[in-house]
Amino acid sequence: MGKSWPVQDAKARFSELLECAVAEGPQVVTKRGVETAVLLPIEQWRRLERMARPNLKDLLLASEARTENLTPPRRSRRRRTPPAL
C-alpha cells in the first residue's frame, strides 16, 4: 500500500495525492489517525469492479439460487375502497 495522508494534507495537496496514486499505487487517507479512504488509479478500480461482478456462466452454474435481484421491490400504495353495492 502507498503512503498515508492525513485528511488535512490530502485536501491541501490533492494534486500531489492524485499524482502519487497514479505513480505509486493506492494512497490511504486518514482522519484523526484512523484509515478512512483510499485513492487508487482508475485501472485498478475497474479491475476490482470486474472481479467483484459475477459473469453469466458463474451465475448459471452456482449451486444456490440468486433471485434477490430478479423482482423489483413492491411500492406501498393505498388500496381503493370497494364500491358500495
N, C-alpha and C. Protein backbone atom coordinates (compact mmCIF):
# COMPACT_ATOMS: atom_id res chain seq x y z
N MET A 1 0.87 -1.17 0.00
CA MET A 1 0.00 0.00 0.00
C MET A 1 0.90 1.22 0.00
N GLY A 2 0.41 2.28 -0.57
CA GLY A 2 1.18 3.51 -0.69
C GLY A 2 1.25 4.30 0.61
N LYS A 3 1.55 5.54 0.45
CA LYS A 3 1.72 6.46 1.56
C LYS A 3 0.40 6.75 2.27
N SER A 4 0.48 7.13 3.54
CA SER A 4 -0.69 7.51 4.31
C SER A 4 -0.74 9.03 4.43
N TRP A 5 -1.90 9.61 4.16
CA TRP A 5 -2.08 11.06 4.16
C TRP A 5 -3.13 11.47 5.19
N PRO A 6 -2.80 12.36 6.12
CA PRO A 6 -3.86 12.93 6.97
C PRO A 6 -4.82 13.73 6.09
N VAL A 7 -6.08 13.77 6.47
CA VAL A 7 -7.10 14.41 5.63
C VAL A 7 -6.77 15.87 5.35
N GLN A 8 -6.17 16.58 6.30
CA GLN A 8 -5.81 17.98 6.07
C GLN A 8 -4.79 18.10 4.94
N ASP A 9 -3.78 17.23 4.95
CA ASP A 9 -2.77 17.25 3.88
C ASP A 9 -3.38 16.82 2.55
N ALA A 10 -4.27 15.82 2.58
CA ALA A 10 -4.90 15.35 1.35
C ALA A 10 -5.72 16.46 0.70
N LYS A 11 -6.43 17.24 1.52
CA LYS A 11 -7.22 18.35 0.98
C LYS A 11 -6.32 19.46 0.44
N ALA A 12 -5.28 19.79 1.18
CA ALA A 12 -4.42 20.90 0.79
C ALA A 12 -3.54 20.56 -0.42
N ARG A 13 -3.17 19.28 -0.55
CA ARG A 13 -2.25 18.87 -1.62
C ARG A 13 -2.88 17.78 -2.47
N PHE A 14 -4.12 17.98 -2.89
CA PHE A 14 -4.84 16.94 -3.62
C PHE A 14 -4.14 16.57 -4.93
N SER A 15 -3.61 17.55 -5.65
CA SER A 15 -2.94 17.25 -6.93
C SER A 15 -1.76 16.32 -6.70
N GLU A 16 -1.01 16.56 -5.64
CA GLU A 16 0.13 15.70 -5.32
C GLU A 16 -0.35 14.30 -4.92
N LEU A 17 -1.43 14.24 -4.15
CA LEU A 17 -2.03 12.96 -3.76
C LEU A 17 -2.45 12.17 -4.99
N LEU A 18 -3.08 12.84 -5.94
CA LEU A 18 -3.52 12.20 -7.17
C LEU A 18 -2.33 11.69 -7.98
N GLU A 19 -1.29 12.49 -8.12
CA GLU A 19 -0.09 12.07 -8.86
C GLU A 19 0.57 10.87 -8.19
N CYS A 20 0.63 10.86 -6.87
CA CYS A 20 1.22 9.73 -6.15
C CYS A 20 0.39 8.47 -6.35
N ALA A 21 -0.92 8.59 -6.37
CA ALA A 21 -1.78 7.43 -6.59
C ALA A 21 -1.53 6.83 -7.96
N VAL A 22 -1.40 7.67 -8.98
CA VAL A 22 -1.16 7.19 -10.33
C VAL A 22 0.23 6.57 -10.45
N ALA A 23 1.23 7.20 -9.85
CA ALA A 23 2.61 6.73 -9.99
C ALA A 23 2.96 5.56 -9.06
N GLU A 24 2.48 5.61 -7.81
CA GLU A 24 2.92 4.64 -6.81
C GLU A 24 1.86 3.62 -6.42
N GLY A 25 0.61 3.86 -6.76
CA GLY A 25 -0.46 2.95 -6.36
C GLY A 25 -1.35 3.57 -5.31
N PRO A 26 -2.18 2.75 -4.67
CA PRO A 26 -3.17 3.25 -3.71
C PRO A 26 -2.57 4.11 -2.61
N GLN A 27 -3.29 5.19 -2.28
CA GLN A 27 -2.88 6.11 -1.22
C GLN A 27 -3.99 6.13 -0.16
N VAL A 28 -3.61 5.98 1.10
CA VAL A 28 -4.57 5.92 2.20
C VAL A 28 -4.75 7.31 2.80
N VAL A 29 -6.01 7.69 3.04
CA VAL A 29 -6.32 8.96 3.70
C VAL A 29 -6.81 8.63 5.10
N THR A 30 -6.22 9.30 6.10
CA THR A 30 -6.60 9.05 7.49
C THR A 30 -7.32 10.27 8.06
N LYS A 31 -8.23 9.98 8.98
CA LYS A 31 -8.96 11.04 9.68
C LYS A 31 -8.80 10.78 11.17
N ARG A 32 -8.13 11.68 11.85
CA ARG A 32 -7.81 11.53 13.27
C ARG A 32 -7.04 10.25 13.54
N GLY A 33 -6.15 9.90 12.62
CA GLY A 33 -5.31 8.72 12.78
C GLY A 33 -5.93 7.40 12.37
N VAL A 34 -7.20 7.43 11.94
CA VAL A 34 -7.90 6.21 11.54
C VAL A 34 -7.98 6.16 10.01
N GLU A 35 -7.58 5.02 9.41
CA GLU A 35 -7.67 4.88 7.96
C GLU A 35 -9.13 4.98 7.54
N THR A 36 -9.42 5.94 6.64
CA THR A 36 -10.80 6.24 6.29
C THR A 36 -11.11 5.98 4.82
N ALA A 37 -10.18 6.29 3.93
CA ALA A 37 -10.45 6.17 2.50
C ALA A 37 -9.17 5.82 1.76
N VAL A 38 -9.34 5.39 0.51
CA VAL A 38 -8.20 5.04 -0.34
C VAL A 38 -8.42 5.68 -1.70
N LEU A 39 -7.38 6.29 -2.23
CA LEU A 39 -7.39 6.82 -3.59
C LEU A 39 -6.52 5.89 -4.42
N LEU A 40 -7.08 5.33 -5.51
CA LEU A 40 -6.30 4.42 -6.33
C LEU A 40 -6.52 4.72 -7.80
N PRO A 41 -5.58 4.28 -8.65
CA PRO A 41 -5.69 4.54 -10.09
C PRO A 41 -6.95 3.89 -10.67
N ILE A 42 -7.51 4.50 -11.70
CA ILE A 42 -8.77 4.05 -12.29
C ILE A 42 -8.65 2.64 -12.86
N GLU A 43 -7.51 2.27 -13.43
CA GLU A 43 -7.34 0.92 -13.98
C GLU A 43 -7.49 -0.13 -12.88
N GLN A 44 -6.92 0.16 -11.73
CA GLN A 44 -7.01 -0.77 -10.61
C GLN A 44 -8.46 -0.86 -10.11
N TRP A 45 -9.16 0.26 -10.05
CA TRP A 45 -10.55 0.28 -9.63
C TRP A 45 -11.41 -0.56 -10.57
N ARG A 46 -11.23 -0.38 -11.89
CA ARG A 46 -12.01 -1.14 -12.86
C ARG A 46 -11.73 -2.64 -12.78
N ARG A 47 -10.48 -3.00 -12.52
CA ARG A 47 -10.13 -4.41 -12.35
C ARG A 47 -10.84 -4.98 -11.12
N LEU A 48 -10.87 -4.24 -10.03
CA LEU A 48 -11.57 -4.69 -8.83
C LEU A 48 -13.07 -4.83 -9.07
N GLU A 49 -13.65 -3.90 -9.82
CA GLU A 49 -15.08 -3.99 -10.15
C GLU A 49 -15.37 -5.23 -10.97
N ARG A 50 -14.54 -5.53 -11.98
CA ARG A 50 -14.75 -6.72 -12.81
C ARG A 50 -14.65 -7.99 -11.99
N MET A 51 -13.71 -8.02 -11.05
CA MET A 51 -13.54 -9.21 -10.23
C MET A 51 -14.73 -9.42 -9.30
N ALA A 52 -15.38 -8.35 -8.86
CA ALA A 52 -16.49 -8.45 -7.93
C ALA A 52 -17.80 -8.81 -8.62
N ARG A 53 -17.90 -8.55 -9.91
CA ARG A 53 -19.15 -8.78 -10.64
C ARG A 53 -19.13 -10.20 -11.22
N PRO A 54 -20.10 -11.05 -10.85
CA PRO A 54 -20.11 -12.40 -11.41
C PRO A 54 -20.54 -12.38 -12.87
N ASN A 55 -20.01 -13.32 -13.64
CA ASN A 55 -20.43 -13.39 -15.03
C ASN A 55 -21.60 -14.37 -15.17
N LEU A 56 -22.21 -14.44 -16.32
CA LEU A 56 -23.40 -15.25 -16.53
C LEU A 56 -23.11 -16.72 -16.29
N LYS A 57 -21.96 -17.20 -16.72
CA LYS A 57 -21.62 -18.60 -16.53
C LYS A 57 -21.57 -18.95 -15.04
N ASP A 58 -20.93 -18.09 -14.23
CA ASP A 58 -20.86 -18.34 -12.79
C ASP A 58 -22.25 -18.34 -12.16
N LEU A 59 -23.12 -17.43 -12.60
CA LEU A 59 -24.48 -17.38 -12.06
C LEU A 59 -25.27 -18.63 -12.40
N LEU A 60 -25.14 -19.11 -13.64
CA LEU A 60 -25.89 -20.29 -14.05
C LEU A 60 -25.39 -21.57 -13.40
N LEU A 61 -24.09 -21.64 -13.12
CA LEU A 61 -23.52 -22.84 -12.53
C LEU A 61 -23.49 -22.82 -11.01
N ALA A 62 -23.94 -21.75 -10.40
CA ALA A 62 -23.92 -21.65 -8.94
C ALA A 62 -24.90 -22.64 -8.33
N SER A 63 -24.53 -23.21 -7.18
CA SER A 63 -25.38 -24.20 -6.53
C SER A 63 -26.59 -23.56 -5.85
N GLU A 64 -26.47 -22.32 -5.43
CA GLU A 64 -27.59 -21.65 -4.79
C GLU A 64 -28.26 -20.69 -5.77
N ALA A 65 -29.55 -20.50 -5.59
CA ALA A 65 -30.30 -19.59 -6.45
C ALA A 65 -30.01 -18.15 -6.05
N ARG A 66 -29.86 -17.29 -7.03
CA ARG A 66 -29.62 -15.88 -6.77
C ARG A 66 -30.81 -15.09 -7.31
N THR A 67 -31.88 -15.10 -6.57
CA THR A 67 -33.12 -14.48 -7.04
C THR A 67 -33.42 -13.16 -6.37
N GLU A 68 -32.54 -12.68 -5.51
CA GLU A 68 -32.84 -11.46 -4.76
C GLU A 68 -32.98 -10.23 -5.65
N ASN A 69 -32.37 -10.23 -6.82
CA ASN A 69 -32.42 -9.05 -7.68
C ASN A 69 -33.35 -9.25 -8.88
N LEU A 70 -34.08 -10.34 -8.94
CA LEU A 70 -34.93 -10.59 -10.10
C LEU A 70 -36.24 -9.82 -10.07
N THR A 71 -36.81 -9.66 -8.91
CA THR A 71 -38.09 -8.95 -8.83
C THR A 71 -37.89 -7.61 -8.12
N PRO A 72 -38.44 -6.55 -8.66
CA PRO A 72 -38.29 -5.25 -8.01
C PRO A 72 -39.10 -5.19 -6.73
N PRO A 73 -38.70 -4.37 -5.78
CA PRO A 73 -39.47 -4.27 -4.54
C PRO A 73 -40.83 -3.62 -4.83
N ARG A 74 -41.83 -4.05 -4.07
CA ARG A 74 -43.18 -3.50 -4.24
C ARG A 74 -43.27 -2.16 -3.56
N ARG A 75 -43.99 -1.27 -4.20
CA ARG A 75 -44.23 0.04 -3.60
C ARG A 75 -45.47 -0.04 -2.73
N SER A 76 -45.46 0.72 -1.67
CA SER A 76 -46.66 0.75 -0.83
C SER A 76 -47.66 1.72 -1.46
N ARG A 77 -48.83 1.22 -1.69
CA ARG A 77 -49.89 2.03 -2.30
C ARG A 77 -51.13 1.93 -1.43
N ARG A 78 -51.90 2.97 -1.50
CA ARG A 78 -53.18 2.93 -0.78
C ARG A 78 -54.15 2.06 -1.56
N ARG A 79 -54.92 1.30 -0.84
CA ARG A 79 -55.92 0.46 -1.50
C ARG A 79 -57.17 1.30 -1.77
N ARG A 80 -57.80 0.97 -2.87
CA ARG A 80 -59.05 1.63 -3.20
C ARG A 80 -60.17 1.04 -2.35
N THR A 81 -61.09 1.86 -2.00
CA THR A 81 -62.25 1.35 -1.27
C THR A 81 -63.19 0.71 -2.27
N PRO A 82 -63.74 -0.44 -1.93
CA PRO A 82 -64.64 -1.11 -2.88
C PRO A 82 -65.93 -0.30 -3.03
N PRO A 83 -66.52 -0.35 -4.20
CA PRO A 83 -67.77 0.40 -4.41
C PRO A 83 -68.89 -0.21 -3.60
N ALA A 84 -69.76 0.64 -3.12
CA ALA A 84 -70.90 0.17 -2.33
C ALA A 84 -71.91 -0.47 -3.25
N LEU A 85 -72.47 -1.58 -2.84
CA LEU A 85 -73.48 -2.29 -3.66
C LEU A 85 -74.87 -1.96 -3.25
